[in-house]
Amino acid sequence: MLRIGLTGGIGSGKSAVVAMLRDLGVPVVEADDISREVVRQGESAWSEIVEAFGREILHETGELDRARLAALVFADPEKLARLNQIVHPRVLAALDRWLTDREREGAPIAVVEAPLLYESGYAGKLDRIVVVFCRREQQFERLIARGMSPENAESRIASQMPPEEKQRLAADLIDNSGSLEETRRQVALLVEKWKLLPQPGQSSEHSAPSSK
């Protein structure tokens, strides 16, 4: 099975690409969905987060207030590193299990979508990485449209690996700065390309970065 990693900066349009991949029948797991599961009230990660950051980051129900927690950690690199130390190992283990299940089912391709694919080190476990990107001003506008303040939007963008660095390391790129139809065409062509690649073990060619 070809294990694909999908990443890109916040607001780059990864969710739209994920939906397009699923429309084409490609199984995709989103790391953010898994992270929500591992930090639910009663889970060990929940307890560690409350101990590290205090009960003020909780809703009245006891569940994490993700917006409040994000505003807290993205303003402080040390706090962000602490949160990642708690959450990332659990998320990465769950991604491993998901990929194993897809391989057992006989899927020829499976995609892991994760904003911090490179930062977490998980990219090294995958066969090929595709990066979704757009212009920085588009990222900013999309985050503002989600309800973020300009300050939070800037800090979230600045906290991530520069998109140029991600693009340099990627095997494939999706330019999401144009229309959705333009993006959809790129996604469809990319899936056809992946289907023609040799399965892992047949050749090492598939893992080499492309010439873009």
N, C-alpha and C. Protein backbone atom coordinates (compact mmCIF):
# COMPACT_ATOMS: atom_id res chain seq x y z
N MET A 1 0.84 -1.20 0.00
CA MET A 1 0.00 0.00 0.00
C MET A 1 0.87 1.25 0.00
N LEU A 2 0.50 2.21 -0.82
CA LEU A 2 1.22 3.47 -0.89
C LEU A 2 0.68 4.39 0.21
N ARG A 3 1.57 4.79 1.11
CA ARG A 3 1.18 5.64 2.23
C ARG A 3 1.54 7.08 1.91
N ILE A 4 0.52 7.91 1.75
CA ILE A 4 0.70 9.30 1.34
C ILE A 4 0.47 10.22 2.53
N GLY A 5 1.32 11.21 2.68
CA GLY A 5 1.10 12.26 3.67
C GLY A 5 0.64 13.53 2.98
N LEU A 6 -0.39 14.16 3.53
CA LEU A 6 -0.92 15.41 3.00
C LEU A 6 -0.77 16.48 4.07
N THR A 7 -0.10 17.58 3.72
CA THR A 7 0.10 18.63 4.69
C THR A 7 0.10 19.99 4.00
N GLY A 8 0.29 21.03 4.79
CA GLY A 8 0.28 22.39 4.28
C GLY A 8 0.00 23.34 5.44
N GLY A 9 0.20 24.61 5.22
CA GLY A 9 -0.02 25.58 6.27
C GLY A 9 -1.48 25.72 6.63
N ILE A 10 -1.74 26.26 7.82
CA ILE A 10 -3.11 26.51 8.25
C ILE A 10 -3.78 27.47 7.26
N GLY A 11 -5.01 27.15 6.88
CA GLY A 11 -5.74 27.98 5.93
C GLY A 11 -5.35 27.77 4.48
N SER A 12 -4.54 26.75 4.21
CA SER A 12 -4.09 26.51 2.82
C SER A 12 -5.13 25.77 1.99
N GLY A 13 -6.11 25.15 2.66
CA GLY A 13 -7.15 24.44 1.92
C GLY A 13 -7.04 22.93 1.98
N LYS A 14 -6.38 22.41 3.01
CA LYS A 14 -6.23 20.96 3.14
C LYS A 14 -7.57 20.24 3.24
N SER A 15 -8.51 20.83 3.96
CA SER A 15 -9.81 20.18 4.14
C SER A 15 -10.54 20.02 2.82
N ALA A 16 -10.43 21.02 1.95
CA ALA A 16 -11.06 20.93 0.64
C ALA A 16 -10.44 19.80 -0.18
N VAL A 17 -9.12 19.67 -0.11
CA VAL A 17 -8.42 18.61 -0.84
C VAL A 17 -8.80 17.24 -0.27
N VAL A 18 -8.92 17.15 1.05
CA VAL A 18 -9.35 15.89 1.67
C VAL A 18 -10.71 15.47 1.14
N ALA A 19 -11.64 16.41 1.06
CA ALA A 19 -12.98 16.09 0.55
C ALA A 19 -12.91 15.61 -0.90
N MET A 20 -12.06 16.22 -1.69
CA MET A 20 -11.90 15.82 -3.09
C MET A 20 -11.32 14.41 -3.20
N LEU A 21 -10.35 14.10 -2.37
CA LEU A 21 -9.76 12.76 -2.36
C LEU A 21 -10.81 11.71 -1.99
N ARG A 22 -11.61 12.01 -1.00
CA ARG A 22 -12.65 11.06 -0.59
C ARG A 22 -13.68 10.88 -1.68
N ASP A 23 -14.00 11.94 -2.41
CA ASP A 23 -14.93 11.83 -3.54
C ASP A 23 -14.39 10.87 -4.59
N LEU A 24 -13.06 10.79 -4.68
CA LEU A 24 -12.42 9.90 -5.65
C LEU A 24 -12.19 8.49 -5.09
N GLY A 25 -12.69 8.24 -3.89
CA GLY A 25 -12.60 6.91 -3.31
C GLY A 25 -11.31 6.61 -2.56
N VAL A 26 -10.51 7.64 -2.29
CA VAL A 26 -9.25 7.44 -1.58
C VAL A 26 -9.50 7.55 -0.08
N PRO A 27 -9.11 6.55 0.72
CA PRO A 27 -9.29 6.66 2.18
C PRO A 27 -8.34 7.70 2.77
N VAL A 28 -8.90 8.57 3.60
CA VAL A 28 -8.12 9.66 4.22
C VAL A 28 -8.45 9.71 5.70
N VAL A 29 -7.43 9.89 6.52
CA VAL A 29 -7.64 10.16 7.95
C VAL A 29 -7.06 11.53 8.25
N GLU A 30 -7.78 12.30 9.08
CA GLU A 30 -7.32 13.63 9.45
C GLU A 30 -6.80 13.60 10.89
N ALA A 31 -5.55 14.04 11.06
CA ALA A 31 -4.92 14.01 12.37
C ALA A 31 -5.69 14.83 13.39
N ASP A 32 -6.32 15.93 12.95
CA ASP A 32 -7.08 16.76 13.88
C ASP A 32 -8.26 15.99 14.47
N ASP A 33 -8.89 15.14 13.66
CA ASP A 33 -10.00 14.33 14.17
C ASP A 33 -9.50 13.38 15.26
N ILE A 34 -8.35 12.77 15.01
CA ILE A 34 -7.79 11.86 16.00
C ILE A 34 -7.38 12.61 17.26
N SER A 35 -6.82 13.81 17.08
CA SER A 35 -6.39 14.58 18.26
C SER A 35 -7.58 14.93 19.14
N ARG A 36 -8.74 15.17 18.52
CA ARG A 36 -9.93 15.46 19.32
C ARG A 36 -10.34 14.24 20.15
N GLU A 37 -10.15 13.06 19.59
CA GLU A 37 -10.51 11.85 20.32
C GLU A 37 -9.56 11.60 21.49
N VAL A 38 -8.26 11.79 21.28
CA VAL A 38 -7.29 11.44 22.33
C VAL A 38 -7.32 12.42 23.50
N VAL A 39 -7.92 13.62 23.31
CA VAL A 39 -7.95 14.59 24.41
C VAL A 39 -9.35 14.71 25.02
N ARG A 40 -10.23 13.77 24.74
CA ARG A 40 -11.56 13.82 25.34
C ARG A 40 -11.46 13.65 26.85
N GLN A 41 -12.43 14.20 27.55
CA GLN A 41 -12.46 14.11 29.00
C GLN A 41 -12.38 12.65 29.44
N GLY A 42 -11.50 12.39 30.38
CA GLY A 42 -11.31 11.02 30.87
C GLY A 42 -10.13 10.32 30.27
N GLU A 43 -9.66 10.79 29.11
CA GLU A 43 -8.47 10.21 28.51
C GLU A 43 -7.22 10.71 29.25
N SER A 44 -6.15 9.92 29.17
CA SER A 44 -4.93 10.29 29.89
C SER A 44 -4.35 11.61 29.40
N ALA A 45 -4.48 11.89 28.10
CA ALA A 45 -3.97 13.16 27.57
C ALA A 45 -4.74 14.34 28.16
N TRP A 46 -6.04 14.17 28.35
CA TRP A 46 -6.87 15.23 28.95
C TRP A 46 -6.33 15.57 30.34
N SER A 47 -6.05 14.56 31.12
CA SER A 47 -5.55 14.79 32.48
C SER A 47 -4.21 15.52 32.47
N GLU A 48 -3.33 15.14 31.56
CA GLU A 48 -2.02 15.78 31.49
C GLU A 48 -2.13 17.24 31.03
N ILE A 49 -3.05 17.50 30.11
CA ILE A 49 -3.24 18.88 29.63
C ILE A 49 -3.79 19.77 30.74
N VAL A 50 -4.77 19.26 31.48
CA VAL A 50 -5.34 20.04 32.59
C VAL A 50 -4.27 20.31 33.65
N GLU A 51 -3.45 19.31 33.93
CA GLU A 51 -2.38 19.49 34.91
C GLU A 51 -1.38 20.54 34.43
N ALA A 52 -1.09 20.55 33.14
CA ALA A 52 -0.09 21.47 32.59
C ALA A 52 -0.60 22.89 32.44
N PHE A 53 -1.89 23.06 32.09
CA PHE A 53 -2.39 24.38 31.72
C PHE A 53 -3.51 24.92 32.60
N GLY A 54 -4.00 24.10 33.52
CA GLY A 54 -5.03 24.57 34.43
C GLY A 54 -6.44 24.34 33.92
N ARG A 55 -7.40 24.41 34.82
CA ARG A 55 -8.79 24.12 34.48
C ARG A 55 -9.47 25.26 33.73
N GLU A 56 -8.78 26.39 33.61
CA GLU A 56 -9.38 27.51 32.87
C GLU A 56 -9.48 27.23 31.37
N ILE A 57 -8.82 26.16 30.89
CA ILE A 57 -8.91 25.83 29.47
C ILE A 57 -10.02 24.79 29.23
N LEU A 58 -10.92 24.64 30.21
CA LEU A 58 -12.04 23.69 30.08
C LEU A 58 -13.36 24.42 29.89
N HIS A 59 -14.26 23.77 29.15
CA HIS A 59 -15.66 24.19 29.13
C HIS A 59 -16.31 23.82 30.46
N GLU A 60 -17.51 24.33 30.69
CA GLU A 60 -18.23 23.96 31.91
C GLU A 60 -18.50 22.46 31.98
N THR A 61 -18.59 21.82 30.82
CA THR A 61 -18.83 20.38 30.76
C THR A 61 -17.61 19.57 31.15
N GLY A 62 -16.44 20.20 31.18
CA GLY A 62 -15.21 19.48 31.47
C GLY A 62 -14.38 19.16 30.25
N GLU A 63 -15.00 19.30 29.06
CA GLU A 63 -14.23 19.07 27.84
C GLU A 63 -13.30 20.26 27.59
N LEU A 64 -12.24 20.01 26.82
CA LEU A 64 -11.30 21.07 26.52
C LEU A 64 -11.95 22.17 25.69
N ASP A 65 -11.66 23.40 26.02
CA ASP A 65 -12.01 24.53 25.17
C ASP A 65 -10.86 24.71 24.20
N ARG A 66 -10.99 24.12 23.03
CA ARG A 66 -9.87 24.07 22.10
C ARG A 66 -9.45 25.46 21.62
N ALA A 67 -10.41 26.35 21.46
CA ALA A 67 -10.08 27.71 21.02
C ALA A 67 -9.26 28.43 22.09
N ARG A 68 -9.67 28.30 23.34
CA ARG A 68 -8.94 28.95 24.44
C ARG A 68 -7.55 28.35 24.59
N LEU A 69 -7.47 27.03 24.48
CA LEU A 69 -6.17 26.37 24.60
C LEU A 69 -5.25 26.80 23.46
N ALA A 70 -5.79 26.88 22.24
CA ALA A 70 -4.98 27.29 21.09
C ALA A 70 -4.45 28.70 21.27
N ALA A 71 -5.33 29.62 21.73
CA ALA A 71 -4.89 31.00 21.93
C ALA A 71 -3.77 31.07 22.96
N LEU A 72 -3.83 30.19 23.96
CA LEU A 72 -2.81 30.17 25.02
C LEU A 72 -1.48 29.66 24.50
N VAL A 73 -1.49 28.52 23.80
CA VAL A 73 -0.22 27.89 23.43
C VAL A 73 0.43 28.53 22.22
N PHE A 74 -0.36 29.05 21.30
CA PHE A 74 0.26 29.64 20.11
C PHE A 74 0.87 31.01 20.39
N ALA A 75 0.64 31.52 21.58
CA ALA A 75 1.30 32.76 21.98
C ALA A 75 2.57 32.50 22.79
N ASP A 76 2.87 31.22 23.03
CA ASP A 76 4.01 30.85 23.87
C ASP A 76 4.65 29.57 23.34
N PRO A 77 5.81 29.66 22.70
CA PRO A 77 6.44 28.46 22.11
C PRO A 77 6.68 27.34 23.11
N GLU A 78 7.00 27.68 24.36
CA GLU A 78 7.24 26.64 25.35
C GLU A 78 5.96 25.88 25.68
N LYS A 79 4.85 26.61 25.79
CA LYS A 79 3.57 25.95 26.06
C LYS A 79 3.12 25.11 24.87
N LEU A 80 3.37 25.61 23.66
CA LEU A 80 3.04 24.84 22.47
C LEU A 80 3.84 23.54 22.43
N ALA A 81 5.12 23.63 22.76
CA ALA A 81 5.96 22.43 22.78
C ALA A 81 5.47 21.43 23.82
N ARG A 82 5.02 21.93 24.97
CA ARG A 82 4.51 21.05 26.02
C ARG A 82 3.24 20.35 25.56
N LEU A 83 2.33 21.10 24.93
CA LEU A 83 1.10 20.48 24.43
C LEU A 83 1.41 19.42 23.40
N ASN A 84 2.30 19.73 22.47
CA ASN A 84 2.67 18.75 21.44
C ASN A 84 3.29 17.50 22.06
N GLN A 85 4.06 17.68 23.12
CA GLN A 85 4.69 16.55 23.80
C GLN A 85 3.64 15.61 24.38
N ILE A 86 2.54 16.17 24.81
CA ILE A 86 1.46 15.36 25.38
C ILE A 86 0.65 14.67 24.29
N VAL A 87 0.28 15.43 23.26
CA VAL A 87 -0.69 14.94 22.28
C VAL A 87 -0.08 14.14 21.14
N HIS A 88 1.05 14.60 20.61
CA HIS A 88 1.59 14.00 19.39
C HIS A 88 1.85 12.49 19.48
N PRO A 89 2.50 11.97 20.53
CA PRO A 89 2.75 10.53 20.55
C PRO A 89 1.48 9.69 20.45
N ARG A 90 0.42 10.16 21.08
CA ARG A 90 -0.85 9.42 21.05
C ARG A 90 -1.49 9.49 19.66
N VAL A 91 -1.41 10.67 19.03
CA VAL A 91 -1.97 10.81 17.68
C VAL A 91 -1.19 9.96 16.69
N LEU A 92 0.12 9.98 16.78
CA LEU A 92 0.94 9.23 15.83
C LEU A 92 0.71 7.72 15.97
N ALA A 93 0.53 7.25 17.19
CA ALA A 93 0.24 5.83 17.39
C ALA A 93 -1.10 5.46 16.76
N ALA A 94 -2.08 6.35 16.88
CA ALA A 94 -3.40 6.09 16.28
C ALA A 94 -3.31 6.11 14.75
N LEU A 95 -2.48 6.99 14.19
CA LEU A 95 -2.28 7.00 12.74
C LEU A 95 -1.66 5.69 12.27
N ASP A 96 -0.72 5.18 13.02
CA ASP A 96 -0.11 3.88 12.68
C ASP A 96 -1.18 2.79 12.60
N ARG A 97 -2.06 2.78 13.59
CA ARG A 97 -3.10 1.75 13.63
C ARG A 97 -4.05 1.90 12.44
N TRP A 98 -4.40 3.16 12.11
CA TRP A 98 -5.31 3.39 10.98
C TRP A 98 -4.69 2.91 9.67
N LEU A 99 -3.43 3.21 9.45
CA LEU A 99 -2.76 2.77 8.22
C LEU A 99 -2.68 1.25 8.15
N THR A 100 -2.38 0.62 9.26
CA THR A 100 -2.33 -0.85 9.30
C THR A 100 -3.68 -1.45 8.93
N ASP A 101 -4.75 -0.86 9.45
CA ASP A 101 -6.10 -1.35 9.14
C ASP A 101 -6.42 -1.20 7.65
N ARG A 102 -6.04 -0.06 7.05
CA ARG A 102 -6.31 0.14 5.62
C ARG A 102 -5.52 -0.85 4.77
N GLU A 103 -4.30 -1.15 5.19
CA GLU A 103 -3.50 -2.11 4.44
C GLU A 103 -4.10 -3.50 4.52
N ARG A 104 -4.59 -3.87 5.68
CA ARG A 104 -5.24 -5.18 5.86
C ARG A 104 -6.50 -5.29 4.99
N GLU A 105 -7.16 -4.15 4.77
CA GLU A 105 -8.36 -4.15 3.94
C GLU A 105 -8.02 -4.20 2.44
N GLY A 106 -6.76 -4.05 2.10
CA GLY A 106 -6.34 -4.13 0.71
C GLY A 106 -6.36 -2.83 -0.05
N ALA A 107 -6.42 -1.70 0.66
CA ALA A 107 -6.41 -0.40 -0.02
C ALA A 107 -5.07 -0.19 -0.72
N PRO A 108 -5.06 0.21 -2.00
CA PRO A 108 -3.80 0.44 -2.70
C PRO A 108 -3.12 1.75 -2.28
N ILE A 109 -3.94 2.72 -1.82
CA ILE A 109 -3.46 4.04 -1.41
C ILE A 109 -4.21 4.45 -0.15
N ALA A 110 -3.52 5.07 0.78
CA ALA A 110 -4.16 5.66 1.96
C ALA A 110 -3.45 6.97 2.27
N VAL A 111 -4.23 7.96 2.68
CA VAL A 111 -3.69 9.31 2.90
C VAL A 111 -3.87 9.73 4.35
N VAL A 112 -2.78 10.24 4.93
CA VAL A 112 -2.80 10.83 6.27
C VAL A 112 -2.69 12.34 6.11
N GLU A 113 -3.71 13.07 6.55
CA GLU A 113 -3.67 14.53 6.51
C GLU A 113 -3.27 15.03 7.90
N ALA A 114 -2.19 15.80 7.96
CA ALA A 114 -1.71 16.31 9.24
C ALA A 114 -1.01 17.65 9.04
N PRO A 115 -1.44 18.69 9.74
CA PRO A 115 -0.79 19.99 9.59
C PRO A 115 0.69 19.96 9.97
N LEU A 116 1.04 19.14 10.97
CA LEU A 116 2.41 19.11 11.48
C LEU A 116 3.13 17.83 11.06
N LEU A 117 2.92 17.42 9.85
CA LEU A 117 3.49 16.17 9.36
C LEU A 117 5.01 16.16 9.45
N TYR A 118 5.63 17.24 9.01
CA TYR A 118 7.09 17.34 9.09
C TYR A 118 7.56 17.62 10.51
N GLU A 119 6.87 18.57 11.17
CA GLU A 119 7.29 18.98 12.50
C GLU A 119 7.25 17.83 13.50
N SER A 120 6.30 16.91 13.33
CA SER A 120 6.16 15.79 14.25
C SER A 120 7.12 14.65 13.94
N GLY A 121 7.74 14.68 12.75
CA GLY A 121 8.63 13.61 12.35
C GLY A 121 7.91 12.45 11.66
N TYR A 122 6.58 12.53 11.53
CA TYR A 122 5.83 11.41 10.97
C TYR A 122 6.02 11.27 9.47
N ALA A 123 6.47 12.33 8.81
CA ALA A 123 6.69 12.25 7.36
C ALA A 123 7.64 11.13 6.99
N GLY A 124 8.60 10.85 7.87
CA GLY A 124 9.58 9.80 7.59
C GLY A 124 8.99 8.41 7.55
N LYS A 125 7.77 8.23 8.06
CA LYS A 125 7.12 6.92 8.05
C LYS A 125 6.29 6.70 6.79
N LEU A 126 6.17 7.73 5.97
CA LEU A 126 5.30 7.67 4.80
C LEU A 126 6.10 7.56 3.51
N ASP A 127 5.45 7.12 2.45
CA ASP A 127 6.14 6.88 1.19
C ASP A 127 6.27 8.12 0.33
N ARG A 128 5.33 9.05 0.51
CA ARG A 128 5.30 10.20 -0.37
C ARG A 128 4.52 11.32 0.30
N ILE A 129 4.97 12.56 0.14
CA ILE A 129 4.31 13.70 0.77
C ILE A 129 3.81 14.66 -0.30
N VAL A 130 2.56 15.12 -0.12
CA VAL A 130 2.00 16.15 -0.99
C VAL A 130 1.68 17.37 -0.11
N VAL A 131 2.08 18.53 -0.58
CA VAL A 131 1.87 19.78 0.16
C VAL A 131 0.85 20.65 -0.57
N VAL A 132 -0.17 21.09 0.16
CA VAL A 132 -1.16 22.03 -0.35
C VAL A 132 -0.71 23.43 0.05
N PHE A 133 -0.77 24.37 -0.89
CA PHE A 133 -0.33 25.72 -0.56
C PHE A 133 -1.19 26.75 -1.28
N CYS A 134 -1.12 27.97 -0.77
CA CYS A 134 -1.76 29.12 -1.40
C CYS A 134 -0.96 30.34 -1.00
N ARG A 135 -1.39 31.51 -1.42
CA ARG A 135 -0.67 32.72 -1.04
C ARG A 135 -0.90 33.04 0.44
N ARG A 136 0.09 33.64 1.07
CA ARG A 136 0.00 33.94 2.50
C ARG A 136 -1.21 34.82 2.80
N GLU A 137 -1.48 35.79 1.94
CA GLU A 137 -2.62 36.67 2.20
C GLU A 137 -3.93 35.90 2.15
N GLN A 138 -3.98 34.82 1.33
CA GLN A 138 -5.17 33.99 1.31
C GLN A 138 -5.33 33.21 2.61
N GLN A 139 -4.21 32.69 3.12
CA GLN A 139 -4.25 32.01 4.42
C GLN A 139 -4.84 32.95 5.47
N PHE A 140 -4.31 34.15 5.52
CA PHE A 140 -4.73 35.13 6.52
C PHE A 140 -6.23 35.43 6.37
N GLU A 141 -6.68 35.67 5.15
CA GLU A 141 -8.08 35.99 4.91
C GLU A 141 -8.99 34.83 5.32
N ARG A 142 -8.57 33.61 5.04
CA ARG A 142 -9.39 32.45 5.39
C ARG A 142 -9.50 32.28 6.90
N LEU A 143 -8.42 32.55 7.62
CA LEU A 143 -8.47 32.44 9.08
C LEU A 143 -9.35 33.52 9.68
N ILE A 144 -9.28 34.73 9.14
CA ILE A 144 -10.15 35.80 9.61
C ILE A 144 -11.62 35.43 9.36
N ALA A 145 -11.88 34.80 8.21
CA ALA A 145 -13.25 34.38 7.88
C ALA A 145 -13.75 33.31 8.84
N ARG A 146 -12.83 32.55 9.44
CA ARG A 146 -13.22 31.54 10.44
C ARG A 146 -13.53 32.16 11.80
N GLY A 147 -13.25 33.45 11.94
CA GLY A 147 -13.53 34.11 13.21
C GLY A 147 -12.31 34.41 14.05
N MET A 148 -11.11 34.13 13.54
CA MET A 148 -9.90 34.44 14.29
C MET A 148 -9.62 35.93 14.27
N SER A 149 -9.00 36.41 15.32
CA SER A 149 -8.53 37.79 15.33
C SER A 149 -7.30 37.90 14.43
N PRO A 150 -6.99 39.08 13.91
CA PRO A 150 -5.78 39.23 13.10
C PRO A 150 -4.52 38.79 13.85
N GLU A 151 -4.46 39.07 15.15
CA GLU A 151 -3.28 38.69 15.93
C GLU A 151 -3.14 37.17 16.03
N ASN A 152 -4.26 36.48 16.31
CA ASN A 152 -4.21 35.02 16.40
C ASN A 152 -3.89 34.40 15.05
N ALA A 153 -4.45 34.97 13.98
CA ALA A 153 -4.18 34.44 12.64
C ALA A 153 -2.70 34.54 12.32
N GLU A 154 -2.10 35.68 12.62
CA GLU A 154 -0.68 35.87 12.34
C GLU A 154 0.17 34.91 13.17
N SER A 155 -0.18 34.74 14.46
CA SER A 155 0.62 33.86 15.31
C SER A 155 0.50 32.41 14.88
N ARG A 156 -0.68 32.00 14.44
CA ARG A 156 -0.86 30.61 13.98
C ARG A 156 -0.04 30.36 12.73
N ILE A 157 -0.07 31.29 11.79
CA ILE A 157 0.71 31.12 10.55
C ILE A 157 2.20 31.11 10.87
N ALA A 158 2.63 32.04 11.74
CA ALA A 158 4.06 32.16 12.05
C ALA A 158 4.59 30.97 12.84
N SER A 159 3.71 30.28 13.57
CA SER A 159 4.16 29.17 14.41
C SER A 159 4.51 27.92 13.61
N GLN A 160 4.10 27.87 12.34
CA GLN A 160 4.31 26.67 11.54
C GLN A 160 5.55 26.79 10.66
N MET A 161 6.02 25.65 10.21
CA MET A 161 7.15 25.62 9.29
C MET A 161 6.84 26.46 8.06
N PRO A 162 7.78 27.26 7.56
CA PRO A 162 7.52 28.07 6.37
C PRO A 162 7.05 27.20 5.21
N PRO A 163 6.01 27.64 4.49
CA PRO A 163 5.48 26.81 3.39
C PRO A 163 6.51 26.50 2.32
N GLU A 164 7.44 27.42 2.10
CA GLU A 164 8.48 27.18 1.09
C GLU A 164 9.33 25.97 1.46
N GLU A 165 9.57 25.80 2.76
CA GLU A 165 10.36 24.66 3.22
C GLU A 165 9.59 23.36 3.03
N LYS A 166 8.31 23.38 3.33
CA LYS A 166 7.49 22.20 3.12
C LYS A 166 7.44 21.83 1.64
N GLN A 167 7.29 22.83 0.80
CA GLN A 167 7.23 22.57 -0.64
C GLN A 167 8.54 21.98 -1.15
N ARG A 168 9.64 22.45 -0.60
CA ARG A 168 10.95 21.93 -1.04
C ARG A 168 11.11 20.45 -0.70
N LEU A 169 10.53 20.03 0.41
CA LEU A 169 10.67 18.65 0.86
C LEU A 169 9.65 17.70 0.23
N ALA A 170 8.61 18.25 -0.41
CA ALA A 170 7.51 17.43 -0.89
C ALA A 170 7.82 16.75 -2.21
N ALA A 171 7.14 15.62 -2.43
CA ALA A 171 7.21 14.94 -3.72
C ALA A 171 6.18 15.51 -4.70
N ASP A 172 5.06 15.97 -4.16
CA ASP A 172 3.98 16.50 -4.99
C ASP A 172 3.44 17.78 -4.37
N LEU A 173 2.91 18.67 -5.23
CA LEU A 173 2.36 19.94 -4.78
C LEU A 173 0.95 20.13 -5.34
N ILE A 174 0.09 20.78 -4.54
CA ILE A 174 -1.22 21.19 -4.99
C ILE A 174 -1.35 22.68 -4.73
N ASP A 175 -1.50 23.45 -5.80
CA ASP A 175 -1.65 24.90 -5.70
C ASP A 175 -3.13 25.22 -5.51
N ASN A 176 -3.48 25.65 -4.31
CA ASN A 176 -4.88 25.93 -3.99
C ASN A 176 -5.16 27.43 -3.95
N SER A 177 -4.40 28.20 -4.71
CA SER A 177 -4.61 29.64 -4.74
C SER A 177 -5.62 30.07 -5.81
N GLY A 178 -6.03 29.12 -6.65
CA GLY A 178 -7.01 29.43 -7.69
C GLY A 178 -8.40 28.96 -7.32
N SER A 179 -9.20 28.60 -8.31
CA SER A 179 -10.57 28.16 -8.07
C SER A 179 -10.59 26.72 -7.56
N LEU A 180 -11.74 26.34 -6.98
CA LEU A 180 -11.89 24.97 -6.52
C LEU A 180 -11.80 23.98 -7.68
N GLU A 181 -12.30 24.37 -8.84
CA GLU A 181 -12.23 23.47 -9.99
C GLU A 181 -10.79 23.25 -10.42
N GLU A 182 -9.98 24.29 -10.35
CA GLU A 182 -8.56 24.13 -10.67
C GLU A 182 -7.89 23.19 -9.68
N THR A 183 -8.24 23.32 -8.42
CA THR A 183 -7.69 22.41 -7.41
C THR A 183 -8.17 20.99 -7.65
N ARG A 184 -9.46 20.85 -7.97
CA ARG A 184 -10.02 19.52 -8.20
C ARG A 184 -9.31 18.80 -9.35
N ARG A 185 -8.99 19.55 -10.40
CA ARG A 185 -8.27 18.94 -11.53
C ARG A 185 -6.90 18.44 -11.10
N GLN A 186 -6.21 19.23 -10.28
CA GLN A 186 -4.89 18.82 -9.80
C GLN A 186 -4.98 17.56 -8.95
N VAL A 187 -5.99 17.51 -8.10
CA VAL A 187 -6.17 16.34 -7.23
C VAL A 187 -6.44 15.09 -8.05
N ALA A 188 -7.32 15.20 -9.03
CA ALA A 188 -7.65 14.04 -9.87
C ALA A 188 -6.43 13.53 -10.62
N LEU A 189 -5.64 14.43 -11.17
CA LEU A 189 -4.43 14.04 -11.88
C LEU A 189 -3.42 13.38 -10.94
N LEU A 190 -3.36 13.89 -9.73
CA LEU A 190 -2.41 13.35 -8.75
C LEU A 190 -2.80 11.93 -8.35
N VAL A 191 -4.09 11.69 -8.14
CA VAL A 191 -4.54 10.34 -7.78
C VAL A 191 -4.21 9.36 -8.90
N GLU A 192 -4.42 9.76 -10.14
CA GLU A 192 -4.06 8.89 -11.26
C GLU A 192 -2.56 8.61 -11.28
N LYS A 193 -1.78 9.61 -10.97
CA LYS A 193 -0.33 9.45 -10.91
C LYS A 193 0.05 8.44 -9.82
N TRP A 194 -0.56 8.57 -8.64
CA TRP A 194 -0.25 7.65 -7.54
C TRP A 194 -0.59 6.21 -7.91
N LYS A 195 -1.69 6.03 -8.63
CA LYS A 195 -2.11 4.66 -8.99
C LYS A 195 -1.08 3.98 -9.89
N LEU A 196 -0.30 4.79 -10.62
CA LEU A 196 0.70 4.22 -11.53
C LEU A 196 2.05 3.98 -10.86
N LEU A 197 2.21 4.48 -9.65
CA LEU A 197 3.48 4.31 -8.95
C LEU A 197 3.63 2.88 -8.45
N PRO A 198 4.85 2.37 -8.40
CA PRO A 198 5.06 1.03 -7.84
C PRO A 198 4.75 1.00 -6.36
N GLN A 199 4.24 -0.13 -5.90
CA GLN A 199 3.99 -0.29 -4.48
C GLN A 199 5.31 -0.33 -3.72
N PRO A 200 5.34 0.09 -2.47
CA PRO A 200 6.57 0.04 -1.68
C PRO A 200 7.20 -1.35 -1.70
N GLY A 201 8.49 -1.38 -1.91
CA GLY A 201 9.19 -2.65 -2.01
C GLY A 201 9.48 -3.05 -3.44
N GLN A 202 8.68 -2.53 -4.37
CA GLN A 202 8.91 -2.83 -5.79
C GLN A 202 10.01 -1.94 -6.36
N SER A 203 10.06 -0.70 -5.87
CA SER A 203 11.04 0.26 -6.35
C SER A 203 11.16 1.38 -5.35
N SER A 204 12.31 1.96 -5.26
CA SER A 204 12.50 3.12 -4.36
C SER A 204 12.22 4.43 -5.07
N GLU A 205 11.89 4.37 -6.37
CA GLU A 205 11.72 5.57 -7.17
C GLU A 205 10.60 6.46 -6.65
N HIS A 206 9.51 5.79 -6.10
CA HIS A 206 8.35 6.55 -5.69
C HIS A 206 8.62 7.48 -4.54
N SER A 207 9.66 7.21 -3.75
CA SER A 207 9.88 8.01 -2.56
C SER A 207 10.78 9.21 -2.81
N ALA A 208 11.33 9.31 -4.00
CA ALA A 208 12.24 10.42 -4.30
C ALA A 208 11.44 11.67 -4.63
N PRO A 209 11.85 12.82 -4.08
CA PRO A 209 11.14 14.06 -4.42
C PRO A 209 11.13 14.30 -5.92
N SER A 210 10.02 14.79 -6.40
CA SER A 210 9.91 15.05 -7.84
C SER A 210 10.60 16.35 -8.18
N SER A 211 10.74 16.60 -9.44
CA SER A 211 11.36 17.85 -9.89
C SER A 211 10.37 19.01 -9.91
N LYS A 212 9.12 18.74 -9.39
CA LYS A 212 8.04 19.72 -9.38
C LYS A 212 7.63 20.07 -10.81
